[in-house]
Amino acid sequence: MTEFNELVEKFKTKLKITQETQKYKDEVILPLINEIYDSEFVNVFNNLVDDLNERVGSKVVGFNADSKNRFTVEGMYHRLIFQKSRIEIYENLVSLNIVPLYIWKGTTKHIGIITMFLNPETNEVKWEIPFNNVKDYAIKLFDGLINDVDFGM
């Protein structure tokens, strides 16, 4: 019976750690991740779309925040969907994956996953993203849309 009691205690300990970790994730990490995701990723795309449309003098690219975890940028034939995905918590590091999908005339293609790394103690953010930063990345994606022979306005 002693072995069973030890097993019960192990489960209780594991459950307590899991609950504490989930509480930390829900109350500290998720709000911080959401704030950074919105300000340093979603808003970059939204502002770029607004600026592009204003300078062209027409709505050539649209932006739609589908939910707090997903947004879409689209032209007449092209659509880029960005889906906030998995959040991993390590000792001194949190990572968030963003999955971009490119849809062209009904065909869906995966573009490389974007990863954001956050040190919650220092609030230092690093992006694992093609090109130098989110804005350069977005500009290259938009350039790919306009250079495609099927791009339409």
N, C-alpha and C. Protein backbone atom coordinates (compact mmCIF):
# COMPACT_ATOMS: atom_id res chain seq x y z
N MET A 1 0.82 -1.20 0.00
CA MET A 1 0.00 0.00 0.00
C MET A 1 0.86 1.26 0.00
N THR A 2 2.05 1.17 0.56
CA THR A 2 2.95 2.32 0.61
C THR A 2 3.32 2.77 -0.81
N GLU A 3 3.54 1.82 -1.71
CA GLU A 3 3.86 2.18 -3.09
C GLU A 3 2.73 2.96 -3.75
N PHE A 4 1.50 2.56 -3.46
CA PHE A 4 0.35 3.26 -4.03
C PHE A 4 0.25 4.68 -3.46
N ASN A 5 0.47 4.83 -2.17
CA ASN A 5 0.43 6.16 -1.55
C ASN A 5 1.51 7.07 -2.14
N GLU A 6 2.68 6.51 -2.42
CA GLU A 6 3.75 7.29 -3.05
C GLU A 6 3.34 7.70 -4.46
N LEU A 7 2.68 6.80 -5.16
CA LEU A 7 2.18 7.10 -6.49
C LEU A 7 1.16 8.23 -6.45
N VAL A 8 0.26 8.19 -5.49
CA VAL A 8 -0.75 9.24 -5.33
C VAL A 8 -0.06 10.58 -5.08
N GLU A 9 0.95 10.61 -4.24
CA GLU A 9 1.67 11.85 -3.94
C GLU A 9 2.40 12.39 -5.19
N LYS A 10 2.94 11.50 -5.97
CA LYS A 10 3.60 11.93 -7.21
C LYS A 10 2.60 12.61 -8.14
N PHE A 11 1.41 12.00 -8.25
CA PHE A 11 0.38 12.59 -9.10
C PHE A 11 -0.08 13.94 -8.56
N LYS A 12 -0.24 14.06 -7.26
CA LYS A 12 -0.64 15.33 -6.65
C LYS A 12 0.41 16.41 -6.92
N THR A 13 1.67 16.05 -6.78
CA THR A 13 2.76 17.00 -7.03
C THR A 13 2.76 17.44 -8.48
N LYS A 14 2.65 16.49 -9.37
CA LYS A 14 2.62 16.80 -10.81
C LYS A 14 1.43 17.69 -11.16
N LEU A 15 0.27 17.39 -10.60
CA LEU A 15 -0.93 18.18 -10.84
C LEU A 15 -0.75 19.61 -10.33
N LYS A 16 -0.17 19.78 -9.17
CA LYS A 16 0.05 21.11 -8.60
C LYS A 16 0.99 21.92 -9.49
N ILE A 17 2.06 21.31 -9.95
CA ILE A 17 3.02 22.00 -10.83
C ILE A 17 2.33 22.39 -12.14
N THR A 18 1.53 21.49 -12.69
CA THR A 18 0.80 21.77 -13.92
C THR A 18 -0.16 22.93 -13.73
N GLN A 19 -0.88 22.96 -12.63
CA GLN A 19 -1.83 24.03 -12.36
C GLN A 19 -1.11 25.37 -12.17
N GLU A 20 0.00 25.37 -11.47
CA GLU A 20 0.78 26.60 -11.26
C GLU A 20 1.34 27.12 -12.59
N THR A 21 1.83 26.20 -13.41
CA THR A 21 2.37 26.58 -14.71
C THR A 21 1.27 27.17 -15.59
N GLN A 22 0.10 26.56 -15.59
CA GLN A 22 -1.02 27.06 -16.39
C GLN A 22 -1.47 28.43 -15.91
N LYS A 23 -1.50 28.63 -14.61
CA LYS A 23 -1.89 29.93 -14.05
C LYS A 23 -0.88 31.00 -14.48
N TYR A 24 0.40 30.72 -14.40
CA TYR A 24 1.45 31.65 -14.83
C TYR A 24 1.30 31.96 -16.32
N LYS A 25 1.05 30.94 -17.10
CA LYS A 25 0.87 31.11 -18.55
C LYS A 25 -0.34 32.00 -18.84
N ASP A 26 -1.46 31.73 -18.18
CA ASP A 26 -2.70 32.48 -18.42
C ASP A 26 -2.63 33.92 -17.93
N GLU A 27 -2.02 34.14 -16.79
CA GLU A 27 -2.05 35.47 -16.16
C GLU A 27 -0.88 36.36 -16.53
N VAL A 28 0.26 35.78 -16.88
CA VAL A 28 1.45 36.58 -17.15
C VAL A 28 1.88 36.48 -18.61
N ILE A 29 2.09 35.27 -19.08
CA ILE A 29 2.68 35.06 -20.40
C ILE A 29 1.72 35.41 -21.53
N LEU A 30 0.51 34.89 -21.50
CA LEU A 30 -0.43 35.13 -22.61
C LEU A 30 -0.74 36.62 -22.83
N PRO A 31 -1.02 37.39 -21.79
CA PRO A 31 -1.25 38.83 -22.04
C PRO A 31 -0.02 39.52 -22.64
N LEU A 32 1.16 39.15 -22.19
CA LEU A 32 2.38 39.74 -22.71
C LEU A 32 2.60 39.35 -24.17
N ILE A 33 2.44 38.08 -24.48
CA ILE A 33 2.58 37.59 -25.85
C ILE A 33 1.56 38.27 -26.76
N ASN A 34 0.32 38.36 -26.31
CA ASN A 34 -0.74 38.97 -27.12
C ASN A 34 -0.43 40.44 -27.42
N GLU A 35 0.07 41.15 -26.43
CA GLU A 35 0.41 42.56 -26.62
C GLU A 35 1.53 42.72 -27.66
N ILE A 36 2.55 41.90 -27.54
CA ILE A 36 3.68 41.98 -28.48
C ILE A 36 3.25 41.54 -29.88
N TYR A 37 2.50 40.46 -29.97
CA TYR A 37 1.99 39.97 -31.25
C TYR A 37 1.18 41.06 -31.96
N ASP A 38 0.29 41.71 -31.21
CA ASP A 38 -0.53 42.76 -31.81
C ASP A 38 0.30 43.96 -32.24
N SER A 39 1.16 44.44 -31.35
CA SER A 39 1.89 45.68 -31.65
C SER A 39 3.03 45.48 -32.63
N GLU A 40 3.73 44.37 -32.56
CA GLU A 40 4.93 44.19 -33.37
C GLU A 40 4.73 43.31 -34.60
N PHE A 41 3.55 42.73 -34.74
CA PHE A 41 3.31 41.89 -35.91
C PHE A 41 2.04 42.32 -36.64
N VAL A 42 0.90 42.16 -36.00
CA VAL A 42 -0.38 42.46 -36.65
C VAL A 42 -0.45 43.93 -37.07
N ASN A 43 -0.10 44.84 -36.18
CA ASN A 43 -0.20 46.26 -36.50
C ASN A 43 0.77 46.68 -37.60
N VAL A 44 1.90 46.01 -37.72
CA VAL A 44 2.84 46.31 -38.81
C VAL A 44 2.16 46.04 -40.15
N PHE A 45 1.51 44.90 -40.26
CA PHE A 45 0.80 44.57 -41.51
C PHE A 45 -0.36 45.53 -41.74
N ASN A 46 -1.15 45.78 -40.71
CA ASN A 46 -2.30 46.67 -40.84
C ASN A 46 -1.86 48.07 -41.27
N ASN A 47 -0.84 48.62 -40.63
CA ASN A 47 -0.35 49.96 -40.97
C ASN A 47 0.22 50.00 -42.38
N LEU A 48 0.92 48.94 -42.76
CA LEU A 48 1.49 48.88 -44.11
C LEU A 48 0.40 48.84 -45.17
N VAL A 49 -0.65 48.07 -44.93
CA VAL A 49 -1.78 48.00 -45.86
C VAL A 49 -2.44 49.37 -45.97
N ASP A 50 -2.70 50.02 -44.84
CA ASP A 50 -3.31 51.35 -44.86
C ASP A 50 -2.45 52.35 -45.61
N ASP A 51 -1.15 52.34 -45.34
CA ASP A 51 -0.23 53.28 -45.98
C ASP A 51 -0.15 53.02 -47.48
N LEU A 52 -0.07 51.75 -47.87
CA LEU A 52 -0.01 51.38 -49.28
C LEU A 52 -1.27 51.85 -50.02
N ASN A 53 -2.43 51.56 -49.46
CA ASN A 53 -3.69 51.95 -50.10
C ASN A 53 -3.81 53.47 -50.20
N GLU A 54 -3.39 54.17 -49.17
CA GLU A 54 -3.46 55.63 -49.17
C GLU A 54 -2.54 56.21 -50.24
N ARG A 55 -1.33 55.71 -50.34
CA ARG A 55 -0.37 56.24 -51.31
C ARG A 55 -0.76 55.91 -52.75
N VAL A 56 -1.37 54.74 -52.95
CA VAL A 56 -1.80 54.35 -54.30
C VAL A 56 -3.09 55.10 -54.67
N GLY A 57 -3.88 55.45 -53.66
CA GLY A 57 -5.13 56.15 -53.92
C GLY A 57 -6.29 55.22 -54.20
N SER A 58 -6.12 53.95 -53.84
CA SER A 58 -7.16 52.96 -54.07
C SER A 58 -6.93 51.80 -53.12
N LYS A 59 -7.98 51.04 -52.86
CA LYS A 59 -7.81 49.88 -51.99
C LYS A 59 -7.30 48.70 -52.83
N VAL A 60 -5.98 48.56 -52.87
CA VAL A 60 -5.37 47.50 -53.66
C VAL A 60 -5.11 46.24 -52.84
N VAL A 61 -4.99 46.42 -51.54
CA VAL A 61 -4.77 45.28 -50.63
C VAL A 61 -5.68 45.49 -49.42
N GLY A 62 -6.32 44.42 -48.99
CA GLY A 62 -7.19 44.50 -47.83
C GLY A 62 -6.58 43.84 -46.61
N PHE A 63 -7.02 44.29 -45.44
CA PHE A 63 -6.58 43.71 -44.17
C PHE A 63 -7.83 43.39 -43.37
N ASN A 64 -7.86 42.19 -42.77
CA ASN A 64 -8.99 41.81 -41.94
C ASN A 64 -8.49 41.04 -40.73
N ALA A 65 -8.79 41.54 -39.54
CA ALA A 65 -8.48 40.81 -38.30
C ALA A 65 -9.62 39.83 -38.08
N ASP A 66 -9.37 38.57 -38.41
CA ASP A 66 -10.42 37.55 -38.33
C ASP A 66 -10.75 37.19 -36.89
N SER A 67 -9.75 37.20 -36.03
CA SER A 67 -9.92 36.91 -34.61
C SER A 67 -8.67 37.39 -33.90
N LYS A 68 -8.58 37.15 -32.60
CA LYS A 68 -7.38 37.59 -31.88
C LYS A 68 -6.17 36.72 -32.23
N ASN A 69 -6.40 35.60 -32.89
CA ASN A 69 -5.32 34.69 -33.24
C ASN A 69 -5.05 34.60 -34.74
N ARG A 70 -5.79 35.38 -35.53
CA ARG A 70 -5.67 35.20 -36.98
C ARG A 70 -6.03 36.50 -37.70
N PHE A 71 -5.27 36.80 -38.77
CA PHE A 71 -5.61 37.92 -39.63
C PHE A 71 -5.29 37.57 -41.07
N THR A 72 -5.91 38.33 -41.98
CA THR A 72 -5.79 38.06 -43.41
C THR A 72 -5.41 39.33 -44.14
N VAL A 73 -4.51 39.19 -45.10
CA VAL A 73 -4.15 40.25 -46.04
C VAL A 73 -4.48 39.70 -47.40
N GLU A 74 -5.24 40.48 -48.21
CA GLU A 74 -5.63 39.92 -49.50
C GLU A 74 -5.72 40.93 -50.62
N GLY A 75 -5.42 40.43 -51.81
CA GLY A 75 -5.63 41.14 -53.06
C GLY A 75 -6.80 40.46 -53.75
N MET A 76 -6.97 40.70 -55.02
CA MET A 76 -8.11 40.12 -55.72
C MET A 76 -7.99 38.60 -55.83
N TYR A 77 -6.80 38.11 -56.12
CA TYR A 77 -6.62 36.67 -56.33
C TYR A 77 -5.79 36.00 -55.23
N HIS A 78 -5.16 36.79 -54.41
CA HIS A 78 -4.23 36.25 -53.42
C HIS A 78 -4.74 36.53 -52.01
N ARG A 79 -4.42 35.64 -51.13
CA ARG A 79 -4.75 35.84 -49.73
C ARG A 79 -3.61 35.29 -48.89
N LEU A 80 -3.20 36.06 -47.92
CA LEU A 80 -2.20 35.62 -46.94
C LEU A 80 -2.91 35.54 -45.59
N ILE A 81 -2.88 34.38 -44.99
CA ILE A 81 -3.51 34.19 -43.69
C ILE A 81 -2.40 33.93 -42.68
N PHE A 82 -2.44 34.64 -41.57
CA PHE A 82 -1.48 34.45 -40.50
C PHE A 82 -2.21 33.95 -39.27
N GLN A 83 -1.83 32.78 -38.80
CA GLN A 83 -2.49 32.13 -37.68
C GLN A 83 -1.50 32.00 -36.52
N LYS A 84 -1.86 32.62 -35.40
CA LYS A 84 -1.04 32.47 -34.20
C LYS A 84 -1.21 31.04 -33.72
N SER A 85 -0.12 30.39 -33.42
CA SER A 85 -0.16 28.96 -33.13
C SER A 85 0.38 28.67 -31.74
N ARG A 86 1.23 27.73 -31.68
CA ARG A 86 1.71 27.16 -30.44
C ARG A 86 2.60 28.11 -29.62
N ILE A 87 2.33 28.14 -28.31
CA ILE A 87 3.18 28.88 -27.38
C ILE A 87 3.88 27.85 -26.51
N GLU A 88 5.19 27.96 -26.47
CA GLU A 88 6.00 27.06 -25.65
C GLU A 88 6.65 27.88 -24.54
N ILE A 89 6.67 27.34 -23.34
CA ILE A 89 7.30 28.02 -22.21
C ILE A 89 8.45 27.16 -21.73
N TYR A 90 9.63 27.77 -21.74
CA TYR A 90 10.83 27.14 -21.21
C TYR A 90 11.22 27.93 -19.96
N GLU A 91 12.34 27.64 -19.36
CA GLU A 91 12.71 28.31 -18.12
C GLU A 91 12.77 29.83 -18.27
N ASN A 92 13.58 30.34 -19.16
CA ASN A 92 13.73 31.78 -19.33
C ASN A 92 13.37 32.24 -20.73
N LEU A 93 12.54 31.48 -21.39
CA LEU A 93 12.21 31.81 -22.76
C LEU A 93 10.81 31.32 -23.11
N VAL A 94 10.10 32.15 -23.84
CA VAL A 94 8.78 31.79 -24.34
C VAL A 94 8.84 31.92 -25.85
N SER A 95 8.28 30.98 -26.56
CA SER A 95 8.25 31.09 -28.02
C SER A 95 6.82 30.98 -28.52
N LEU A 96 6.56 31.72 -29.58
CA LEU A 96 5.26 31.71 -30.23
C LEU A 96 5.49 31.45 -31.71
N ASN A 97 4.78 30.50 -32.26
CA ASN A 97 4.84 30.24 -33.70
C ASN A 97 3.67 30.93 -34.39
N ILE A 98 3.96 31.51 -35.53
CA ILE A 98 2.93 32.11 -36.38
C ILE A 98 3.01 31.38 -37.71
N VAL A 99 1.89 30.83 -38.13
CA VAL A 99 1.86 30.03 -39.35
C VAL A 99 1.22 30.86 -40.47
N PRO A 100 2.01 31.24 -41.48
CA PRO A 100 1.45 31.97 -42.61
C PRO A 100 1.05 31.00 -43.72
N LEU A 101 -0.11 31.23 -44.29
CA LEU A 101 -0.60 30.45 -45.43
C LEU A 101 -0.82 31.40 -46.60
N TYR A 102 -0.47 30.95 -47.77
CA TYR A 102 -0.64 31.73 -48.99
C TYR A 102 -1.69 31.01 -49.83
N ILE A 103 -2.77 31.69 -50.14
CA ILE A 103 -3.83 31.09 -50.94
C ILE A 103 -3.92 31.86 -52.25
N TRP A 104 -3.79 31.14 -53.34
CA TRP A 104 -3.82 31.73 -54.66
C TRP A 104 -4.78 30.92 -55.51
N LYS A 105 -5.88 31.53 -55.92
CA LYS A 105 -6.88 30.88 -56.75
C LYS A 105 -7.27 29.50 -56.22
N GLY A 106 -7.47 29.42 -54.93
CA GLY A 106 -7.92 28.18 -54.31
C GLY A 106 -6.83 27.20 -53.93
N THR A 107 -5.59 27.47 -54.27
CA THR A 107 -4.48 26.59 -53.90
C THR A 107 -3.80 27.15 -52.66
N THR A 108 -3.64 26.34 -51.65
CA THR A 108 -3.03 26.77 -50.40
C THR A 108 -1.60 26.29 -50.32
N LYS A 109 -0.70 27.19 -49.98
CA LYS A 109 0.70 26.85 -49.79
C LYS A 109 1.16 27.37 -48.44
N HIS A 110 1.99 26.59 -47.79
CA HIS A 110 2.57 27.04 -46.52
C HIS A 110 3.81 27.86 -46.82
N ILE A 111 3.90 28.99 -46.15
CA ILE A 111 5.12 29.78 -46.19
C ILE A 111 5.84 29.39 -44.89
N GLY A 112 7.11 29.60 -44.77
CA GLY A 112 7.84 29.19 -43.57
C GLY A 112 7.27 29.78 -42.28
N ILE A 113 7.26 28.98 -41.24
CA ILE A 113 6.76 29.40 -39.94
C ILE A 113 7.64 30.53 -39.39
N ILE A 114 6.99 31.48 -38.76
CA ILE A 114 7.66 32.61 -38.11
C ILE A 114 7.63 32.32 -36.62
N THR A 115 8.74 32.53 -35.94
CA THR A 115 8.80 32.29 -34.51
C THR A 115 9.24 33.56 -33.80
N MET A 116 8.51 33.88 -32.74
CA MET A 116 8.87 34.99 -31.88
C MET A 116 9.38 34.41 -30.57
N PHE A 117 10.52 34.88 -30.11
CA PHE A 117 11.07 34.46 -28.84
C PHE A 117 11.00 35.63 -27.87
N LEU A 118 10.57 35.36 -26.65
CA LEU A 118 10.43 36.39 -25.64
C LEU A 118 11.10 35.93 -24.35
N ASN A 119 11.91 36.80 -23.79
CA ASN A 119 12.44 36.57 -22.45
C ASN A 119 11.51 37.33 -21.51
N PRO A 120 10.67 36.64 -20.73
CA PRO A 120 9.68 37.33 -19.90
C PRO A 120 10.29 38.18 -18.78
N GLU A 121 11.51 37.87 -18.40
CA GLU A 121 12.15 38.65 -17.33
C GLU A 121 12.62 40.01 -17.84
N THR A 122 13.09 40.07 -19.08
CA THR A 122 13.63 41.31 -19.63
C THR A 122 12.72 41.92 -20.70
N ASN A 123 11.69 41.18 -21.12
CA ASN A 123 10.79 41.58 -22.21
C ASN A 123 11.53 41.75 -23.54
N GLU A 124 12.70 41.14 -23.67
CA GLU A 124 13.45 41.18 -24.93
C GLU A 124 12.78 40.23 -25.93
N VAL A 125 12.54 40.75 -27.13
CA VAL A 125 11.86 39.98 -28.18
C VAL A 125 12.82 39.79 -29.34
N LYS A 126 12.88 38.56 -29.85
CA LYS A 126 13.65 38.26 -31.05
C LYS A 126 12.74 37.51 -32.01
N TRP A 127 12.86 37.87 -33.28
CA TRP A 127 12.05 37.24 -34.32
C TRP A 127 12.92 36.32 -35.16
N GLU A 128 12.44 35.13 -35.39
CA GLU A 128 13.06 34.23 -36.37
C GLU A 128 12.19 34.34 -37.61
N ILE A 129 12.63 35.22 -38.51
CA ILE A 129 11.80 35.60 -39.65
C ILE A 129 12.72 35.86 -40.85
N PRO A 130 12.26 35.50 -42.04
CA PRO A 130 13.06 35.86 -43.22
C PRO A 130 13.20 37.38 -43.33
N PHE A 131 14.30 37.83 -43.81
CA PHE A 131 14.62 39.25 -43.95
C PHE A 131 14.93 39.83 -42.56
N ASN A 132 15.05 41.09 -42.43
CA ASN A 132 15.56 41.68 -41.20
C ASN A 132 14.54 41.83 -40.09
N ASN A 133 13.33 42.18 -40.45
CA ASN A 133 12.32 42.45 -39.43
C ASN A 133 10.93 42.23 -40.02
N VAL A 134 9.91 42.45 -39.21
CA VAL A 134 8.54 42.19 -39.65
C VAL A 134 8.16 43.08 -40.82
N LYS A 135 8.53 44.36 -40.79
CA LYS A 135 8.16 45.27 -41.87
C LYS A 135 8.82 44.86 -43.18
N ASP A 136 10.11 44.54 -43.16
CA ASP A 136 10.78 44.09 -44.39
C ASP A 136 10.15 42.80 -44.91
N TYR A 137 9.81 41.91 -44.01
CA TYR A 137 9.16 40.66 -44.38
C TYR A 137 7.83 40.94 -45.07
N ALA A 138 7.02 41.82 -44.49
CA ALA A 138 5.72 42.15 -45.07
C ALA A 138 5.87 42.80 -46.45
N ILE A 139 6.83 43.69 -46.59
CA ILE A 139 7.06 44.35 -47.87
C ILE A 139 7.45 43.32 -48.93
N LYS A 140 8.29 42.36 -48.58
CA LYS A 140 8.69 41.31 -49.53
C LYS A 140 7.49 40.45 -49.93
N LEU A 141 6.60 40.16 -48.97
CA LEU A 141 5.40 39.39 -49.31
C LEU A 141 4.51 40.18 -50.27
N PHE A 142 4.30 41.47 -49.99
CA PHE A 142 3.47 42.29 -50.86
C PHE A 142 4.11 42.41 -52.24
N ASP A 143 5.43 42.51 -52.28
CA ASP A 143 6.15 42.58 -53.55
C ASP A 143 5.92 41.30 -54.35
N GLY A 144 5.88 40.18 -53.66
CA GLY A 144 5.60 38.90 -54.33
C GLY A 144 4.20 38.88 -54.92
N LEU A 145 3.26 39.52 -54.24
CA LEU A 145 1.89 39.58 -54.77
C LEU A 145 1.83 40.41 -56.04
N ILE A 146 2.44 41.57 -56.02
CA ILE A 146 2.35 42.47 -57.17
C ILE A 146 3.16 41.95 -58.36
N ASN A 147 4.22 41.20 -58.11
CA ASN A 147 5.03 40.66 -59.20
C ASN A 147 4.45 39.41 -59.82
N ASP A 148 3.45 38.82 -59.19
CA ASP A 148 2.80 37.64 -59.73
C ASP A 148 1.92 38.05 -60.91
N VAL A 149 2.00 37.32 -61.99
CA VAL A 149 1.24 37.68 -63.20
C VAL A 149 -0.28 37.62 -62.97
N ASP A 150 -0.72 36.90 -61.96
CA ASP A 150 -2.14 36.79 -61.70
C ASP A 150 -2.65 37.81 -60.67
N PHE A 151 -1.75 38.67 -60.18
CA PHE A 151 -2.18 39.67 -59.20
C PHE A 151 -3.17 40.62 -59.87
N GLY A 152 -4.27 40.87 -59.20
CA GLY A 152 -5.25 41.79 -59.74
C GLY A 152 -5.71 42.77 -58.69
N MET A 153 -6.13 43.94 -59.12
CA MET A 153 -6.61 44.96 -58.18
C MET A 153 -8.08 45.23 -58.42
